[in-house]
């Protein structure tokens, strides 16, 4: 599989997870996004 495609799916899944958490509990959606993007940055470095 193409690595770019996998990264694209990861981003979508990440935002979907954050959206679900925000919709169900609405604790801190911003924090969920930060954690997700931080994980992505660590993968790139």
Protein backbone atom coordinates (compact mmCIF):
# COMPACT_ATOMS: atom_id res chain seq x y z
CA UNK A 1 0.00 0.00 0.00
CA UNK A 2 1.02 3.58 -0.56
CA UNK A 3 2.41 5.23 2.58
CA UNK A 4 0.66 8.52 1.75
CA UNK A 5 -2.64 6.65 1.56
CA UNK A 6 -2.08 5.12 4.99
CA UNK A 7 -1.26 8.54 6.47
CA UNK A 8 -4.40 9.97 4.86
CA UNK A 9 -6.53 7.22 6.43
CA UNK A 10 -4.83 7.83 9.79
CA UNK A 11 -5.71 11.54 9.70
CA UNK A 12 -9.34 10.78 8.83
CA UNK A 13 -9.60 8.17 11.60
CA UNK A 14 -8.01 10.60 14.02
CA UNK A 15 -10.49 13.39 13.28
CA UNK A 16 -13.36 10.88 13.30
CA UNK A 17 -12.31 9.69 16.76
CA UNK A 18 -12.11 13.26 18.02
CA UNK A 19 -15.52 14.02 16.51
CA UNK A 20 -17.09 10.96 18.17
CA UNK A 21 -15.61 11.83 21.56
CA UNK A 22 -16.78 15.44 21.18
CA UNK A 23 -20.28 14.31 20.18
CA UNK A 24 -20.66 11.74 22.95
CA UNK A 25 -19.11 13.52 25.95
CA UNK A 26 -17.84 16.90 24.72
CA UNK A 27 -14.98 17.08 27.28
CA UNK A 28 -12.15 18.76 25.36
CA UNK A 29 -12.19 18.18 21.59
CA UNK A 30 -9.22 20.51 21.12
CA UNK A 31 -7.12 18.33 23.41
CA UNK A 32 -8.02 15.23 21.40
CA UNK A 33 -6.95 16.96 18.18
CA UNK A 34 -3.67 18.11 19.71
CA UNK A 35 -2.87 14.58 20.87
CA UNK A 36 -3.67 13.26 17.40
CA UNK A 37 -1.55 15.83 15.55
CA UNK A 38 1.28 15.39 18.07
CA UNK A 39 1.24 11.66 17.32
CA UNK A 40 1.40 12.43 13.60
CA UNK A 41 4.35 14.79 14.10
CA UNK A 42 6.21 12.12 16.06
CA UNK A 43 5.61 9.67 13.21
CA UNK A 44 7.09 12.10 10.68
CA UNK A 45 10.18 12.96 12.74
